[in-house]
Each structure stands twice: as structure tokens, then as C-alpha cells.
Amino acid sequence: IMDFQPGEFLNVKEVHYNQHGLLLLERQGIYRLGDSWYPVQSGDAIWMALFVPQ
């Protein structure tokens, strides 16, 4: 489980070598995929494919 306070962010661009997912449990945020940004909220699920910069 990753826990972020309001205004915090993960300051790295990741490339995953395994497929996995993310389920946002509380609140809302903005998810970056490549050069695009997507609003996300509690209950949203994100699938992270192999070798896709996140």
C-alpha cells in the first residue's frame, strides 16, 4: 500500500517489467501515462502493462 498526503507525488517515471494493477482506495488524484494525465478517484482501477512508462 502506498500512502500519499495531499499534494504529494511519486517523483519518478517508472517502467514496469511485470504486469500489475492499482486500486485507488480513497480520495482522488491525477495519473500520468506517457505524456497524458488522467483524473482518478476512489474505486478506480488502473492496469499497468509491461514496459509502458508511467
N, C-alpha and C. Protein backbone atom coordinates (compact mmCIF):
# COMPACT_ATOMS: atom_id res chain seq x y z
N ILE A 1 0.85 -1.18 0.00
CA ILE A 1 0.00 0.00 0.00
C ILE A 1 0.89 1.23 0.00
N MET A 2 0.61 2.15 -0.91
CA MET A 2 1.32 3.43 -0.95
C MET A 2 0.38 4.49 -0.39
N ASP A 3 0.90 5.36 0.42
CA ASP A 3 0.11 6.39 1.10
C ASP A 3 0.69 7.75 0.76
N PHE A 4 -0.12 8.63 0.17
CA PHE A 4 0.33 9.97 -0.19
C PHE A 4 -0.52 11.00 0.53
N GLN A 5 0.12 11.99 1.08
CA GLN A 5 -0.59 13.12 1.67
C GLN A 5 -1.03 14.06 0.55
N PRO A 6 -2.05 14.90 0.77
CA PRO A 6 -2.47 15.84 -0.27
C PRO A 6 -1.28 16.66 -0.79
N GLY A 7 -1.17 16.72 -2.11
CA GLY A 7 -0.08 17.48 -2.74
C GLY A 7 1.17 16.66 -3.00
N GLU A 8 1.29 15.48 -2.40
CA GLU A 8 2.47 14.63 -2.62
C GLU A 8 2.34 13.87 -3.94
N PHE A 9 3.50 13.46 -4.47
CA PHE A 9 3.50 12.68 -5.70
C PHE A 9 4.74 11.79 -5.74
N LEU A 10 4.71 10.81 -6.62
CA LEU A 10 5.84 9.92 -6.83
C LEU A 10 6.71 10.56 -7.89
N ASN A 11 7.91 10.97 -7.53
CA ASN A 11 8.75 11.79 -8.40
C ASN A 11 9.69 10.94 -9.27
N VAL A 12 9.17 9.90 -9.86
CA VAL A 12 9.95 9.07 -10.78
C VAL A 12 9.06 8.65 -11.95
N LYS A 13 9.67 8.43 -13.08
CA LYS A 13 8.95 7.82 -14.21
C LYS A 13 9.34 6.35 -14.20
N GLU A 14 8.37 5.48 -14.03
CA GLU A 14 8.63 4.05 -13.90
C GLU A 14 8.34 3.32 -15.20
N VAL A 15 9.08 2.25 -15.43
CA VAL A 15 8.78 1.29 -16.47
C VAL A 15 8.71 -0.07 -15.78
N HIS A 16 7.56 -0.69 -15.86
CA HIS A 16 7.33 -1.94 -15.14
C HIS A 16 7.71 -3.15 -15.99
N TYR A 17 8.35 -4.11 -15.36
CA TYR A 17 8.75 -5.34 -16.02
C TYR A 17 7.76 -6.47 -15.78
N ASN A 18 6.76 -6.19 -14.98
CA ASN A 18 5.68 -7.15 -14.71
C ASN A 18 4.36 -6.42 -14.87
N GLN A 19 3.34 -7.14 -15.29
CA GLN A 19 2.01 -6.55 -15.33
C GLN A 19 1.47 -6.49 -13.91
N HIS A 20 0.83 -5.40 -13.56
CA HIS A 20 0.17 -5.31 -12.27
C HIS A 20 -0.87 -4.21 -12.31
N GLY A 21 -1.56 -4.03 -11.22
CA GLY A 21 -2.63 -3.05 -11.19
C GLY A 21 -2.58 -2.19 -9.95
N LEU A 22 -3.43 -1.19 -9.96
CA LEU A 22 -3.54 -0.24 -8.85
C LEU A 22 -5.03 -0.03 -8.59
N LEU A 23 -5.42 -0.04 -7.34
CA LEU A 23 -6.79 0.27 -6.96
C LEU A 23 -6.73 1.45 -6.00
N LEU A 24 -7.34 2.56 -6.39
CA LEU A 24 -7.34 3.75 -5.55
C LEU A 24 -8.41 3.58 -4.47
N LEU A 25 -7.97 3.52 -3.21
CA LEU A 25 -8.88 3.22 -2.11
C LEU A 25 -9.60 4.45 -1.56
N GLU A 26 -8.94 5.61 -1.58
CA GLU A 26 -9.54 6.81 -1.01
C GLU A 26 -9.19 8.03 -1.83
N ARG A 27 -10.05 9.01 -1.78
CA ARG A 27 -9.83 10.34 -2.33
C ARG A 27 -9.70 10.34 -3.84
N GLN A 28 -8.85 11.20 -4.35
CA GLN A 28 -8.71 11.38 -5.80
C GLN A 28 -7.30 11.81 -6.13
N GLY A 29 -6.97 11.81 -7.40
CA GLY A 29 -5.64 12.21 -7.82
C GLY A 29 -5.57 12.37 -9.32
N ILE A 30 -4.36 12.48 -9.83
CA ILE A 30 -4.11 12.59 -11.26
C ILE A 30 -3.05 11.55 -11.61
N TYR A 31 -3.33 10.73 -12.62
CA TYR A 31 -2.44 9.65 -13.02
C TYR A 31 -1.79 10.01 -14.35
N ARG A 32 -0.47 9.89 -14.41
CA ARG A 32 0.26 10.18 -15.65
C ARG A 32 0.56 8.88 -16.38
N LEU A 33 0.22 8.85 -17.66
CA LEU A 33 0.56 7.72 -18.52
C LEU A 33 1.18 8.31 -19.78
N GLY A 34 2.49 8.13 -19.93
CA GLY A 34 3.21 8.76 -21.05
C GLY A 34 3.15 10.27 -20.89
N ASP A 35 2.63 10.95 -21.90
CA ASP A 35 2.50 12.41 -21.86
C ASP A 35 1.10 12.86 -21.50
N SER A 36 0.23 11.94 -21.13
CA SER A 36 -1.16 12.27 -20.80
C SER A 36 -1.40 12.17 -19.30
N TRP A 37 -2.37 12.96 -18.83
CA TRP A 37 -2.74 12.99 -17.42
C TRP A 37 -4.23 12.67 -17.31
N TYR A 38 -4.59 11.81 -16.34
CA TYR A 38 -5.97 11.37 -16.18
C TYR A 38 -6.42 11.55 -14.74
N PRO A 39 -7.61 12.16 -14.53
CA PRO A 39 -8.14 12.24 -13.17
C PRO A 39 -8.59 10.86 -12.71
N VAL A 40 -8.30 10.52 -11.47
CA VAL A 40 -8.73 9.25 -10.87
C VAL A 40 -9.37 9.54 -9.52
N GLN A 41 -10.23 8.63 -9.10
CA GLN A 41 -10.91 8.81 -7.81
C GLN A 41 -11.09 7.47 -7.13
N SER A 42 -11.52 7.53 -5.90
CA SER A 42 -11.72 6.33 -5.09
C SER A 42 -12.54 5.30 -5.87
N GLY A 43 -12.04 4.06 -5.89
CA GLY A 43 -12.72 2.98 -6.59
C GLY A 43 -12.19 2.73 -7.99
N ASP A 44 -11.40 3.65 -8.55
CA ASP A 44 -10.83 3.46 -9.88
C ASP A 44 -9.72 2.41 -9.84
N ALA A 45 -9.65 1.62 -10.90
CA ALA A 45 -8.58 0.63 -11.04
C ALA A 45 -7.76 0.98 -12.28
N ILE A 46 -6.45 0.79 -12.19
CA ILE A 46 -5.53 1.08 -13.29
C ILE A 46 -4.72 -0.19 -13.55
N TRP A 47 -4.69 -0.63 -14.79
CA TRP A 47 -3.88 -1.78 -15.19
C TRP A 47 -2.58 -1.26 -15.76
N MET A 48 -1.44 -1.74 -15.27
CA MET A 48 -0.13 -1.29 -15.72
C MET A 48 0.52 -2.41 -16.53
N ALA A 49 0.66 -2.18 -17.82
CA ALA A 49 1.21 -3.18 -18.73
C ALA A 49 2.74 -3.17 -18.68
N LEU A 50 3.32 -4.20 -19.23
CA LEU A 50 4.78 -4.32 -19.32
C LEU A 50 5.39 -3.19 -20.16
N PHE A 51 6.48 -2.64 -19.70
CA PHE A 51 7.32 -1.71 -20.45
C PHE A 51 6.62 -0.43 -20.90
N VAL A 52 5.53 -0.03 -20.24
CA VAL A 52 4.85 1.22 -20.55
C VAL A 52 5.27 2.26 -19.53
N PRO A 53 5.94 3.36 -19.95
CA PRO A 53 6.35 4.39 -18.98
C PRO A 53 5.14 4.95 -18.25
N GLN A 54 5.23 5.02 -16.92
CA GLN A 54 4.13 5.51 -16.09
C GLN A 54 4.60 6.72 -15.31
